């Protein structure tokens, strides 16, 4: 306990005792006023004592825990967690290299990302693999999760894949970049994107039912973090779930 705290507690305690003694010699309103002032001094002394003995150690422990959690978050490679609408997908595609993407909202993904995919492919050699739920039983199961009509969702998937192929062809990309479109042979549990630098994972796709959209967790892969081996396993599992042959290869 620091010296000034001890001194303050002693002073306030002394003032409280003096106040009570003085009030005992007074009568009427003066007695009540002095008694109230003495009670206030007692409250302040107790507050200081409780703060020093109980709250300060708890706060110090919380700070240590927060610092440890911060270090652990860094070790894991967790970069950010944002509403899907706040994620900078353009920055993700600029990573280039090999990019794997599982899409669960084909129309919104197409409107948001197709320009970024094309620009990234034109700016430097990149290899894109984009997977959609396979039209049929798989897309029907995904539509149920998303709260969409199964026929409408199936049409949405087919249209997105066709438009992605058409757009890639129309750009005449000739720098070695490659696009492969896949069907997922099993319903994906969430949106999932992996580049050499990071991993994006969508959480709670069913949130789209309420119009809230999903949340995306961004994981840093550039420094060999603890979670990177898990990302590799999920990526391998995701690729193993695609149906053969691919829908289209550029």
Protein backbone atom coordinates (compact mmCIF):
# COMPACT_ATOMS: atom_id res chain seq x y z
CA UNK A 1 0.00 0.00 0.00
CA UNK A 2 1.52 3.31 -1.06
CA UNK A 3 2.47 5.91 1.56
CA UNK A 4 0.14 8.67 0.39
CA UNK A 5 -2.83 6.29 0.50
CA UNK A 6 -2.00 5.34 4.09
CA UNK A 7 -1.64 8.99 5.04
CA UNK A 8 -4.94 9.90 3.36
CA UNK A 9 -6.78 7.08 5.14
CA UNK A 10 -5.32 8.17 8.51
CA UNK A 11 -6.24 11.82 7.89
CA UNK A 12 -9.82 11.04 6.84
CA UNK A 13 -10.24 8.61 9.74
CA UNK A 14 -8.96 11.26 12.17
CA UNK A 15 -11.29 13.88 10.70
CA UNK A 16 -14.19 11.45 11.00
CA UNK A 17 -13.43 10.72 14.66
CA UNK A 18 -13.01 14.43 15.36
CA UNK A 19 -16.29 15.15 13.61
CA UNK A 20 -18.20 12.60 15.66
CA UNK A 21 -16.66 13.90 18.92
CA UNK A 22 -17.46 17.49 17.99
CA UNK A 23 -21.02 16.63 16.94
CA UNK A 24 -21.57 14.96 20.30
CA UNK A 25 -21.05 18.34 21.96
CA UNK A 26 -23.48 20.11 19.67
CA UNK A 27 -27.24 20.07 19.42
CA UNK A 28 -29.90 20.41 16.76
CA UNK A 29 -28.95 21.24 13.17
CA UNK A 30 -25.25 21.69 13.97
CA UNK A 31 -25.07 18.18 15.43
CA UNK A 32 -26.71 16.69 12.34
CA UNK A 33 -24.43 18.60 9.97
CA UNK A 34 -21.25 17.63 11.80
CA UNK A 35 -22.39 14.02 12.02
CA UNK A 36 -23.01 13.99 8.27
CA UNK A 37 -19.58 15.44 7.55
CA UNK A 38 -17.94 12.85 9.81
CA UNK A 39 -19.84 10.07 8.03
CA UNK A 40 -18.58 11.38 4.70
CA UNK A 41 -15.00 11.25 5.97
CA UNK A 42 -15.56 7.65 7.10
CA UNK A 43 -16.93 6.77 3.63
CA UNK A 44 -13.92 8.31 1.90
CA UNK A 45 -11.49 6.46 4.19
CA UNK A 46 -13.29 3.16 3.58
CA UNK A 47 -13.38 3.78 -0.18
CA UNK A 48 -9.63 4.40 -0.25
CA UNK A 49 -9.00 1.30 1.86
CA UNK A 50 -11.20 -0.92 -0.34
CA UNK A 51 -9.67 0.51 -3.51
CA UNK A 52 -6.14 -0.17 -2.33
CA UNK A 53 -6.72 -3.61 -0.81
CA UNK A 54 -9.24 -5.11 -3.24
CA UNK A 55 -9.68 -3.18 -6.47
CA UNK A 56 -6.07 -2.29 -7.26
CA UNK A 57 -4.83 -5.92 -7.22
CA UNK A 58 -7.83 -7.02 -9.31
CA UNK A 59 -7.17 -4.27 -11.85
CA UNK A 60 -3.49 -5.17 -12.01
CA UNK A 61 -4.41 -8.81 -12.62
CA UNK A 62 -6.87 -7.80 -15.35
CA UNK A 63 -4.16 -5.74 -17.04
CA UNK A 64 -1.74 -8.66 -16.92
CA UNK A 65 -4.41 -10.99 -18.30
CA UNK A 66 -5.25 -8.54 -21.09
CA UNK A 67 -1.59 -8.25 -22.01
CA UNK A 68 -1.26 -12.02 -22.10
CA UNK A 69 -4.40 -12.33 -24.23
CA UNK A 70 -3.04 -9.73 -26.62
CA UNK A 71 0.19 -11.69 -27.01
CA UNK A 72 -1.78 -14.89 -27.56
CA UNK A 73 -3.94 -13.24 -30.23
CA UNK A 74 -0.73 -12.19 -31.99
CA UNK A 75 0.69 -15.71 -31.68
CA UNK A 76 -2.46 -17.15 -33.22
CA UNK A 77 -2.32 -14.70 -36.11
CA UNK A 78 -5.80 -13.26 -35.60
CA UNK A 79 -5.72 -10.03 -37.57
CA UNK A 80 -9.28 -8.75 -37.37
CA UNK A 81 -12.96 -9.63 -37.03
CA UNK A 82 -15.37 -7.45 -38.98
CA UNK A 83 -18.89 -7.45 -40.41
CA UNK A 84 -18.68 -8.87 -43.91
CA UNK A 85 -19.53 -5.49 -45.43
CA UNK A 86 -16.49 -3.88 -43.77
CA UNK A 87 -13.86 -6.34 -45.02
CA UNK A 88 -11.37 -5.04 -47.59
CA UNK A 89 -11.63 -7.92 -50.07
CA UNK A 90 -9.65 -5.94 -52.66
CA UNK A 91 -6.64 -6.07 -50.33
CA UNK A 92 -7.11 -9.81 -49.95
CA UNK A 93 -7.05 -10.40 -53.72
CA UNK A 94 -3.98 -8.18 -54.09
CA UNK A 95 -2.02 -10.83 -52.19
CA UNK A 96 -1.92 -12.66 -55.52
CA UNK A 97 -0.32 -16.08 -55.83
CA UNK A 98 -2.66 -19.03 -55.27
CA UNK A 99 -6.10 -18.03 -53.97
CA UNK A 100 -8.77 -20.51 -52.95
CA UNK A 101 -12.30 -19.26 -52.34
CA UNK A 102 -15.50 -21.02 -51.25
CA UNK A 103 -18.51 -18.82 -52.02
CA UNK A 104 -21.87 -19.24 -50.25
CA UNK A 105 -23.55 -16.00 -51.44
CA UNK A 106 -22.93 -16.12 -55.22
CA UNK A 107 -24.77 -12.97 -56.33
CA UNK A 108 -23.38 -10.68 -53.65
CA UNK A 109 -19.89 -12.16 -54.08
CA UNK A 110 -20.04 -11.58 -57.83
CA UNK A 111 -21.18 -7.96 -57.46
CA UNK A 112 -18.55 -7.21 -54.82
CA UNK A 113 -15.52 -9.21 -55.93
CA UNK A 114 -15.43 -9.99 -59.63
CA UNK A 115 -13.74 -6.71 -60.57
CA UNK A 116 -11.14 -7.24 -57.86
CA UNK A 117 -10.44 -10.80 -59.04
CA UNK A 118 -9.94 -9.63 -62.63
CA UNK A 119 -7.75 -6.68 -61.65
CA UNK A 120 -5.57 -8.87 -59.44
CA UNK A 121 -5.21 -11.47 -62.20
CA UNK A 122 -4.25 -8.80 -64.73
CA UNK A 123 -1.76 -7.06 -62.42
CA UNK A 124 0.38 -10.15 -61.70
CA UNK A 125 0.27 -13.89 -62.37
CA UNK A 126 -2.21 -15.46 -59.97
CA UNK A 127 -4.06 -18.75 -59.70
CA UNK A 128 -7.68 -18.50 -58.60
CA UNK A 129 -9.83 -21.45 -57.60
CA UNK A 130 -13.42 -20.45 -56.91
CA UNK A 131 -15.89 -23.02 -55.57
CA UNK A 132 -19.68 -22.74 -55.45
CA UNK A 133 -22.20 -25.20 -53.94
CA UNK A 134 -23.04 -27.76 -56.60
CA UNK A 135 -26.49 -27.14 -58.11
CA UNK A 136 -28.88 -29.78 -56.87
CA UNK A 137 -28.88 -31.43 -53.46
CA UNK A 138 -25.86 -29.46 -52.24
CA UNK A 139 -27.23 -26.05 -53.25
CA UNK A 140 -30.64 -27.01 -51.83
CA UNK A 141 -29.04 -27.78 -48.45
CA UNK A 142 -27.13 -24.47 -48.56
CA UNK A 143 -30.32 -22.59 -49.47
CA UNK A 144 -32.00 -24.06 -46.38
CA UNK A 145 -29.17 -22.75 -44.17
CA UNK A 146 -29.41 -19.30 -45.76
CA UNK A 147 -33.19 -19.22 -45.65
CA UNK A 148 -33.50 -18.91 -49.44
CA UNK A 149 -35.76 -20.57 -51.96
CA UNK A 150 -33.90 -23.61 -53.28
CA UNK A 151 -34.79 -23.06 -56.93
CA UNK A 152 -33.84 -19.39 -56.80
CA UNK A 153 -30.56 -20.20 -55.04
CA UNK A 154 -29.71 -22.89 -57.59
CA UNK A 155 -30.27 -20.38 -60.39
CA UNK A 156 -28.10 -17.87 -58.51
CA UNK A 157 -25.22 -20.35 -58.31
CA UNK A 158 -25.42 -21.25 -62.00
CA UNK A 159 -25.61 -17.61 -63.05
CA UNK A 160 -22.61 -16.64 -60.89
CA UNK A 161 -20.42 -19.41 -62.28
CA UNK A 162 -21.42 -18.57 -65.87
CA UNK A 163 -20.80 -14.84 -65.38
CA UNK A 164 -17.40 -15.45 -63.77
CA UNK A 165 -16.35 -17.58 -66.74
CA UNK A 166 -17.72 -15.04 -69.26
CA UNK A 167 -15.97 -12.12 -67.57
CA UNK A 168 -12.62 -13.93 -67.42
CA UNK A 169 -12.83 -14.85 -71.11
CA UNK A 170 -13.72 -11.28 -72.08
CA UNK A 171 -10.65 -9.83 -70.36
CA UNK A 172 -8.19 -11.89 -72.45
CA UNK A 173 -5.81 -12.30 -69.52
CA UNK A 174 -2.52 -13.51 -70.96
CA UNK A 175 0.08 -13.09 -68.21
CA UNK A 176 -0.16 -16.64 -66.94
CA UNK A 177 -2.99 -16.10 -64.47
CA UNK A 178 -5.42 -18.99 -64.22
CA UNK A 179 -9.00 -19.46 -63.09
CA UNK A 180 -10.61 -22.75 -62.11
CA UNK A 181 -14.30 -22.92 -61.20
CA UNK A 182 -15.40 -25.82 -58.98
CA UNK A 183 -18.60 -27.27 -57.61
CA UNK A 184 -18.51 -28.16 -53.92
CA UNK A 185 -19.70 -31.75 -53.51
CA UNK A 186 -20.86 -31.05 -49.95
CA UNK A 187 -22.55 -27.99 -48.40
CA UNK A 188 -19.83 -25.60 -47.18
CA UNK A 189 -20.24 -24.60 -43.55
CA UNK A 190 -19.22 -21.01 -44.28
CA UNK A 191 -17.46 -18.62 -46.61
CA UNK A 192 -13.75 -19.46 -46.78
CA UNK A 193 -10.90 -17.72 -48.59
CA UNK A 194 -7.17 -18.49 -48.45
CA UNK A 195 -4.19 -16.73 -49.98
CA UNK A 196 -0.49 -17.03 -49.25
CA UNK A 197 -0.76 -14.10 -46.82
CA UNK A 198 -4.04 -14.58 -45.00
CA UNK A 199 -7.20 -16.59 -44.46
CA UNK A 200 -10.73 -15.18 -44.35
CA UNK A 201 -13.43 -17.22 -42.61
CA UNK A 202 -17.09 -16.29 -42.60
CA UNK A 203 -19.07 -16.96 -39.43
CA UNK A 204 -22.79 -17.75 -39.15
CA UNK A 205 -23.97 -17.66 -42.76
CA UNK A 206 -27.51 -18.13 -41.43
CA UNK A 207 -27.30 -14.52 -40.18
CA UNK A 208 -28.18 -13.52 -43.75
CA UNK A 209 -31.71 -14.67 -42.97
CA UNK A 210 -32.20 -11.61 -40.80
CA UNK A 211 -30.43 -9.27 -43.18
CA UNK A 212 -27.58 -8.78 -40.72
CA UNK A 213 -24.98 -10.42 -42.93
CA UNK A 214 -22.10 -12.48 -41.65
CA UNK A 215 -18.95 -11.77 -39.72
CA UNK A 216 -15.51 -12.44 -41.22
CA UNK A 217 -12.40 -13.38 -39.23
CA UNK A 218 -9.06 -12.49 -40.82
CA UNK A 219 -6.05 -14.66 -39.97
CA UNK A 220 -2.47 -13.72 -40.81
CA UNK A 221 -0.54 -16.51 -42.56
CA UNK A 222 2.59 -14.56 -43.46
CA UNK A 223 4.54 -15.27 -40.27
CA UNK A 224 3.90 -18.99 -39.70
CA UNK A 225 1.48 -18.50 -36.78
CA UNK A 226 0.12 -21.22 -34.48
CA UNK A 227 -3.15 -21.43 -36.37
CA UNK A 228 -1.61 -21.78 -39.82
CA UNK A 229 -1.43 -25.58 -39.59
CA UNK A 230 -5.15 -25.60 -38.83
CA UNK A 231 -5.78 -23.41 -41.89
CA UNK A 232 -3.84 -25.88 -44.02
CA UNK A 233 -5.98 -28.77 -42.76
CA UNK A 234 -9.21 -26.88 -43.45
CA UNK A 235 -7.94 -25.91 -46.89
CA UNK A 236 -7.09 -29.53 -47.70
CA UNK A 237 -10.49 -30.68 -46.47
CA UNK A 238 -12.21 -27.98 -48.51
CA UNK A 239 -10.36 -28.94 -51.70
CA UNK A 240 -11.11 -32.62 -51.10
CA UNK A 241 -14.84 -31.80 -51.08
CA UNK A 242 -14.94 -30.46 -54.65
CA UNK A 243 -16.65 -32.48 -57.34
CA UNK A 244 -14.68 -33.74 -60.35
CA UNK A 245 -14.16 -32.62 -63.01
CA UNK A 246 -13.91 -28.81 -62.56
CA UNK A 247 -16.73 -26.74 -64.04
CA UNK A 248 -14.29 -24.66 -66.09
CA UNK A 249 -10.53 -24.10 -66.35
CA UNK A 250 -9.14 -21.06 -68.17
